[in-house]
Amino acid sequence: MKVYKVKVNGKVYEVEIEAVDEVNGSIKAEAVAAAPVRENKPVSEGAKIVAAPITGKVLEIKVKVGDVVKKGQTVAVIEAMKLENEIQSAYDGKVVEIRAGKGDDIRNKEALIVLE
């Protein structure tokens, strides 16, 4: 057994570490479900897309189908790297489709909202 002294935030701790020569055991892999892939459907001509500027998790969609939005209006909130990012519309228009919902993982440049 070896004894080490470790200093954390100005306080000294004494730690004992035991060397291990042989490891007995096994590794059990669990199946991980793949994240659902949303298809990036085409939009009608003249439609405008509000896309996610970052990869993250959708915390809130602040509009619903039929709402009229103005350029600069916050339409969604995405969490990325422990920060909440408000997503503003780059266009004026009427919401015709919402392509992501609360709790969804969204990728950079993936469509969030379609405006007409």
N, C-alpha and C. Protein backbone atom coordinates (compact mmCIF):
# COMPACT_ATOMS: atom_id res chain seq x y z
N MET A 1 0.85 -1.16 0.00
CA MET A 1 0.00 0.00 0.00
C MET A 1 0.90 1.23 0.00
N LYS A 2 0.53 2.24 -0.78
CA LYS A 2 1.29 3.48 -0.82
C LYS A 2 0.44 4.59 -0.22
N VAL A 3 1.13 5.50 0.45
CA VAL A 3 0.46 6.63 1.08
C VAL A 3 0.88 7.90 0.34
N TYR A 4 -0.12 8.68 -0.07
CA TYR A 4 0.13 9.95 -0.76
C TYR A 4 -0.53 11.07 0.02
N LYS A 5 0.05 12.26 -0.10
CA LYS A 5 -0.56 13.45 0.47
C LYS A 5 -1.10 14.27 -0.70
N VAL A 6 -2.36 14.68 -0.57
CA VAL A 6 -3.03 15.43 -1.63
C VAL A 6 -3.53 16.74 -1.02
N LYS A 7 -3.28 17.84 -1.73
CA LYS A 7 -3.72 19.15 -1.25
C LYS A 7 -4.89 19.61 -2.11
N VAL A 8 -6.04 19.85 -1.45
CA VAL A 8 -7.25 20.29 -2.14
C VAL A 8 -7.74 21.56 -1.45
N ASN A 9 -7.83 22.65 -2.22
CA ASN A 9 -8.28 23.93 -1.68
C ASN A 9 -7.53 24.33 -0.40
N GLY A 10 -6.22 24.09 -0.41
CA GLY A 10 -5.40 24.49 0.72
C GLY A 10 -5.38 23.51 1.88
N LYS A 11 -6.18 22.48 1.84
CA LYS A 11 -6.24 21.50 2.93
C LYS A 11 -5.54 20.22 2.48
N VAL A 12 -4.66 19.67 3.34
CA VAL A 12 -3.88 18.48 3.00
C VAL A 12 -4.61 17.23 3.49
N TYR A 13 -4.75 16.25 2.58
CA TYR A 13 -5.37 14.96 2.92
C TYR A 13 -4.35 13.86 2.69
N GLU A 14 -4.41 12.82 3.53
CA GLU A 14 -3.56 11.67 3.36
C GLU A 14 -4.40 10.55 2.74
N VAL A 15 -3.89 10.00 1.63
CA VAL A 15 -4.65 8.99 0.88
C VAL A 15 -3.81 7.73 0.76
N GLU A 16 -4.42 6.58 1.07
CA GLU A 16 -3.74 5.30 0.90
C GLU A 16 -4.26 4.63 -0.36
N ILE A 17 -3.33 4.15 -1.20
CA ILE A 17 -3.71 3.48 -2.45
C ILE A 17 -3.09 2.10 -2.47
N GLU A 18 -3.93 1.12 -2.76
CA GLU A 18 -3.48 -0.27 -2.81
C GLU A 18 -3.24 -0.65 -4.26
N ALA A 19 -2.09 -1.26 -4.54
CA ALA A 19 -1.77 -1.72 -5.89
C ALA A 19 -2.51 -3.03 -6.15
N VAL A 20 -3.01 -3.18 -7.36
CA VAL A 20 -3.73 -4.39 -7.75
C VAL A 20 -2.96 -5.03 -8.90
N ASP A 21 -2.57 -6.30 -8.73
CA ASP A 21 -1.80 -6.99 -9.75
C ASP A 21 -2.69 -7.66 -10.79
N GLU A 22 -3.83 -8.13 -10.36
CA GLU A 22 -4.69 -8.91 -11.26
C GLU A 22 -6.13 -8.44 -11.09
N VAL A 23 -6.81 -8.38 -12.21
CA VAL A 23 -8.21 -7.96 -12.17
C VAL A 23 -9.08 -9.12 -12.61
N ASN A 24 -10.03 -9.49 -11.78
CA ASN A 24 -10.99 -10.53 -12.14
C ASN A 24 -12.36 -9.89 -12.28
N GLY A 25 -13.02 -10.18 -13.34
CA GLY A 25 -14.36 -9.62 -13.53
C GLY A 25 -14.70 -9.61 -15.00
N SER A 26 -15.83 -9.06 -15.29
CA SER A 26 -16.25 -8.98 -16.68
C SER A 26 -16.96 -7.65 -16.91
N ILE A 27 -17.01 -7.30 -18.15
CA ILE A 27 -17.69 -6.06 -18.54
C ILE A 27 -18.98 -6.44 -19.24
N LYS A 28 -20.05 -5.84 -18.81
CA LYS A 28 -21.35 -6.15 -19.38
C LYS A 28 -21.83 -4.91 -20.14
N ALA A 29 -22.00 -5.06 -21.43
CA ALA A 29 -22.47 -3.94 -22.25
C ALA A 29 -23.99 -3.96 -22.30
N GLU A 30 -24.57 -2.79 -22.08
CA GLU A 30 -26.02 -2.67 -22.16
C GLU A 30 -26.38 -2.04 -23.50
N ALA A 31 -27.48 -2.45 -24.03
CA ALA A 31 -27.94 -1.88 -25.29
C ALA A 31 -28.38 -0.44 -25.05
N VAL A 32 -27.92 0.43 -25.91
CA VAL A 32 -28.29 1.84 -25.82
C VAL A 32 -29.22 2.15 -26.98
N ALA A 33 -30.37 2.68 -26.65
CA ALA A 33 -31.33 3.01 -27.69
C ALA A 33 -30.84 4.22 -28.47
N ALA A 34 -30.88 4.14 -29.77
CA ALA A 34 -30.46 5.25 -30.61
C ALA A 34 -31.49 6.37 -30.52
N ALA A 35 -30.99 7.60 -30.58
CA ALA A 35 -31.89 8.75 -30.54
C ALA A 35 -32.74 8.76 -31.81
N PRO A 36 -34.02 9.05 -31.69
CA PRO A 36 -34.84 9.07 -32.88
C PRO A 36 -34.37 10.15 -33.85
N VAL A 37 -34.35 9.80 -35.11
CA VAL A 37 -33.91 10.74 -36.13
C VAL A 37 -35.14 11.35 -36.78
N ARG A 38 -35.21 12.67 -36.70
CA ARG A 38 -36.32 13.37 -37.36
C ARG A 38 -35.91 13.62 -38.79
N GLU A 39 -36.79 13.34 -39.70
CA GLU A 39 -36.44 13.60 -41.09
C GLU A 39 -36.64 15.08 -41.38
N ASN A 40 -35.70 15.63 -42.12
CA ASN A 40 -35.74 17.05 -42.45
C ASN A 40 -36.59 17.20 -43.72
N LYS A 41 -37.92 17.24 -43.52
CA LYS A 41 -38.85 17.28 -44.64
C LYS A 41 -38.71 18.60 -45.41
N PRO A 42 -38.95 18.55 -46.70
CA PRO A 42 -38.91 19.78 -47.48
C PRO A 42 -40.08 20.69 -47.10
N VAL A 43 -39.92 21.98 -47.35
CA VAL A 43 -40.99 22.93 -47.05
C VAL A 43 -41.50 23.51 -48.36
N SER A 44 -42.71 24.06 -48.29
CA SER A 44 -43.30 24.63 -49.50
C SER A 44 -42.51 25.87 -49.91
N GLU A 45 -42.58 26.18 -51.19
CA GLU A 45 -41.87 27.34 -51.71
C GLU A 45 -42.38 28.61 -51.04
N GLY A 46 -41.48 29.47 -50.66
CA GLY A 46 -41.86 30.71 -50.00
C GLY A 46 -41.87 30.59 -48.48
N ALA A 47 -41.79 29.36 -47.96
CA ALA A 47 -41.77 29.17 -46.51
C ALA A 47 -40.39 29.52 -45.97
N LYS A 48 -40.36 29.97 -44.74
CA LYS A 48 -39.10 30.33 -44.08
C LYS A 48 -38.90 29.40 -42.89
N ILE A 49 -37.66 29.01 -42.67
CA ILE A 49 -37.36 28.08 -41.58
C ILE A 49 -36.58 28.79 -40.49
N VAL A 50 -37.04 28.61 -39.25
CA VAL A 50 -36.26 29.05 -38.09
C VAL A 50 -35.52 27.79 -37.64
N ALA A 51 -34.20 27.80 -37.82
CA ALA A 51 -33.38 26.63 -37.51
C ALA A 51 -32.63 26.83 -36.21
N ALA A 52 -32.26 25.72 -35.60
CA ALA A 52 -31.48 25.77 -34.35
C ALA A 52 -30.07 26.24 -34.69
N PRO A 53 -29.59 27.27 -34.01
CA PRO A 53 -28.23 27.75 -34.27
C PRO A 53 -27.16 26.93 -33.55
N ILE A 54 -27.60 26.03 -32.65
CA ILE A 54 -26.69 25.21 -31.86
C ILE A 54 -27.31 23.83 -31.62
N THR A 55 -26.49 22.90 -31.25
CA THR A 55 -26.97 21.57 -30.86
C THR A 55 -27.31 21.62 -29.37
N GLY A 56 -28.45 21.04 -29.02
CA GLY A 56 -28.85 21.04 -27.61
C GLY A 56 -30.18 20.37 -27.39
N LYS A 57 -30.81 20.68 -26.25
CA LYS A 57 -32.11 20.11 -25.90
C LYS A 57 -33.13 21.23 -25.86
N VAL A 58 -34.28 21.00 -26.50
CA VAL A 58 -35.34 22.00 -26.53
C VAL A 58 -35.99 22.06 -25.15
N LEU A 59 -35.93 23.23 -24.53
CA LEU A 59 -36.56 23.41 -23.22
C LEU A 59 -37.98 23.93 -23.36
N GLU A 60 -38.22 24.74 -24.40
CA GLU A 60 -39.53 25.35 -24.55
C GLU A 60 -39.73 25.84 -25.98
N ILE A 61 -40.93 25.65 -26.48
CA ILE A 61 -41.35 26.27 -27.74
C ILE A 61 -42.36 27.33 -27.33
N LYS A 62 -42.09 28.59 -27.66
CA LYS A 62 -42.90 29.69 -27.16
C LYS A 62 -44.01 30.12 -28.12
N VAL A 63 -44.19 29.41 -29.22
CA VAL A 63 -45.25 29.73 -30.17
C VAL A 63 -46.03 28.47 -30.49
N LYS A 64 -47.18 28.65 -31.12
CA LYS A 64 -47.95 27.49 -31.57
C LYS A 64 -48.39 27.73 -33.01
N VAL A 65 -48.83 26.67 -33.66
CA VAL A 65 -49.26 26.78 -35.05
C VAL A 65 -50.38 27.82 -35.15
N GLY A 66 -50.24 28.71 -36.12
CA GLY A 66 -51.22 29.76 -36.32
C GLY A 66 -50.80 31.11 -35.75
N ASP A 67 -49.82 31.12 -34.85
CA ASP A 67 -49.34 32.38 -34.27
C ASP A 67 -48.61 33.20 -35.34
N VAL A 68 -48.71 34.51 -35.22
CA VAL A 68 -47.97 35.42 -36.09
C VAL A 68 -46.77 35.91 -35.29
N VAL A 69 -45.57 35.76 -35.87
CA VAL A 69 -44.35 36.18 -35.18
C VAL A 69 -43.68 37.31 -35.94
N LYS A 70 -42.96 38.11 -35.20
CA LYS A 70 -42.21 39.23 -35.76
C LYS A 70 -40.72 38.88 -35.74
N LYS A 71 -39.97 39.48 -36.64
CA LYS A 71 -38.52 39.30 -36.68
C LYS A 71 -37.95 39.72 -35.32
N GLY A 72 -37.10 38.87 -34.73
CA GLY A 72 -36.49 39.16 -33.44
C GLY A 72 -37.26 38.62 -32.25
N GLN A 73 -38.47 38.10 -32.46
CA GLN A 73 -39.28 37.54 -31.38
C GLN A 73 -38.71 36.19 -30.96
N THR A 74 -38.65 35.94 -29.65
CA THR A 74 -38.18 34.65 -29.15
C THR A 74 -39.24 33.59 -29.43
N VAL A 75 -38.83 32.53 -30.12
CA VAL A 75 -39.77 31.47 -30.48
C VAL A 75 -39.48 30.15 -29.78
N ALA A 76 -38.25 30.00 -29.23
CA ALA A 76 -37.89 28.75 -28.56
C ALA A 76 -36.72 29.01 -27.61
N VAL A 77 -36.52 28.04 -26.69
CA VAL A 77 -35.38 28.09 -25.78
C VAL A 77 -34.69 26.73 -25.88
N ILE A 78 -33.37 26.75 -26.12
CA ILE A 78 -32.58 25.53 -26.24
C ILE A 78 -31.48 25.56 -25.18
N GLU A 79 -31.31 24.43 -24.49
CA GLU A 79 -30.22 24.32 -23.52
C GLU A 79 -29.03 23.68 -24.21
N ALA A 80 -27.88 24.34 -24.11
CA ALA A 80 -26.64 23.80 -24.66
C ALA A 80 -25.52 24.14 -23.69
N MET A 81 -24.75 23.15 -23.30
CA MET A 81 -23.63 23.34 -22.39
C MET A 81 -24.05 24.06 -21.11
N LYS A 82 -25.20 23.65 -20.55
CA LYS A 82 -25.74 24.16 -19.28
C LYS A 82 -26.21 25.62 -19.37
N LEU A 83 -26.34 26.15 -20.58
CA LEU A 83 -26.84 27.51 -20.76
C LEU A 83 -28.16 27.47 -21.52
N GLU A 84 -29.07 28.36 -21.13
CA GLU A 84 -30.34 28.48 -21.85
C GLU A 84 -30.17 29.55 -22.92
N ASN A 85 -30.46 29.18 -24.16
CA ASN A 85 -30.30 30.08 -25.29
C ASN A 85 -31.66 30.37 -25.90
N GLU A 86 -32.03 31.65 -25.94
CA GLU A 86 -33.30 32.04 -26.56
C GLU A 86 -33.09 32.12 -28.06
N ILE A 87 -33.98 31.47 -28.80
CA ILE A 87 -33.88 31.45 -30.25
C ILE A 87 -34.90 32.44 -30.81
N GLN A 88 -34.42 33.42 -31.56
CA GLN A 88 -35.30 34.42 -32.14
C GLN A 88 -35.55 34.12 -33.62
N SER A 89 -36.71 34.54 -34.07
CA SER A 89 -37.06 34.39 -35.48
C SER A 89 -36.29 35.42 -36.30
N ALA A 90 -35.78 34.98 -37.42
CA ALA A 90 -35.08 35.90 -38.33
C ALA A 90 -36.05 36.49 -39.33
N TYR A 91 -37.33 36.10 -39.24
CA TYR A 91 -38.34 36.52 -40.22
C TYR A 91 -39.65 36.92 -39.54
N ASP A 92 -40.44 37.71 -40.26
CA ASP A 92 -41.84 37.92 -39.90
C ASP A 92 -42.61 36.79 -40.57
N GLY A 93 -43.69 36.34 -39.97
CA GLY A 93 -44.50 35.32 -40.62
C GLY A 93 -45.47 34.65 -39.68
N LYS A 94 -46.21 33.70 -40.24
CA LYS A 94 -47.20 32.92 -39.50
C LYS A 94 -46.66 31.51 -39.34
N VAL A 95 -46.75 30.97 -38.12
CA VAL A 95 -46.26 29.61 -37.85
C VAL A 95 -47.19 28.60 -38.52
N VAL A 96 -46.61 27.79 -39.41
CA VAL A 96 -47.41 26.76 -40.09
C VAL A 96 -47.03 25.35 -39.63
N GLU A 97 -45.84 25.22 -39.03
CA GLU A 97 -45.42 23.89 -38.57
C GLU A 97 -44.36 24.04 -37.48
N ILE A 98 -44.46 23.19 -36.47
CA ILE A 98 -43.45 23.12 -35.42
C ILE A 98 -42.82 21.74 -35.51
N ARG A 99 -41.52 21.70 -35.73
CA ARG A 99 -40.84 20.43 -36.01
C ARG A 99 -40.11 19.84 -34.81
N ALA A 100 -40.11 20.51 -33.68
CA ALA A 100 -39.46 19.97 -32.47
C ALA A 100 -40.31 20.32 -31.27
N GLY A 101 -40.21 19.52 -30.24
CA GLY A 101 -41.00 19.75 -29.04
C GLY A 101 -40.13 19.76 -27.80
N LYS A 102 -40.75 20.11 -26.69
CA LYS A 102 -40.05 20.17 -25.40
C LYS A 102 -39.39 18.83 -25.11
N GLY A 103 -38.11 18.89 -24.74
CA GLY A 103 -37.37 17.67 -24.40
C GLY A 103 -36.65 17.02 -25.56
N ASP A 104 -36.92 17.47 -26.78
CA ASP A 104 -36.25 16.89 -27.95
C ASP A 104 -34.80 17.33 -28.02
N ASP A 105 -33.95 16.43 -28.46
CA ASP A 105 -32.57 16.80 -28.78
C ASP A 105 -32.59 17.34 -30.21
N ILE A 106 -31.91 18.45 -30.41
CA ILE A 106 -31.92 19.09 -31.72
C ILE A 106 -30.48 19.35 -32.15
N ARG A 107 -30.22 19.19 -33.43
CA ARG A 107 -28.88 19.42 -33.96
C ARG A 107 -28.77 20.82 -34.56
N ASN A 108 -27.55 21.28 -34.69
CA ASN A 108 -27.26 22.56 -35.32
C ASN A 108 -27.85 22.60 -36.73
N LYS A 109 -28.53 23.66 -37.06
CA LYS A 109 -29.14 23.92 -38.37
C LYS A 109 -30.34 23.03 -38.67
N GLU A 110 -30.84 22.31 -37.67
CA GLU A 110 -32.05 21.51 -37.85
C GLU A 110 -33.27 22.42 -37.70
N ALA A 111 -34.28 22.21 -38.52
CA ALA A 111 -35.48 23.07 -38.50
C ALA A 111 -36.24 22.92 -37.19
N LEU A 112 -36.57 24.06 -36.58
CA LEU A 112 -37.40 24.09 -35.38
C LEU A 112 -38.84 24.45 -35.75
N ILE A 113 -38.96 25.55 -36.52
CA ILE A 113 -40.27 26.12 -36.84
C ILE A 113 -40.29 26.53 -38.30
N VAL A 114 -41.44 26.30 -38.95
CA VAL A 114 -41.63 26.72 -40.34
C VAL A 114 -42.63 27.86 -40.35
N LEU A 115 -42.25 28.96 -41.02
CA LEU A 115 -43.11 30.14 -41.14
C LEU A 115 -43.55 30.31 -42.58
N GLU A 116 -44.69 30.93 -42.74
CA GLU A 116 -45.21 31.22 -44.08
C GLU A 116 -45.31 32.70 -44.27
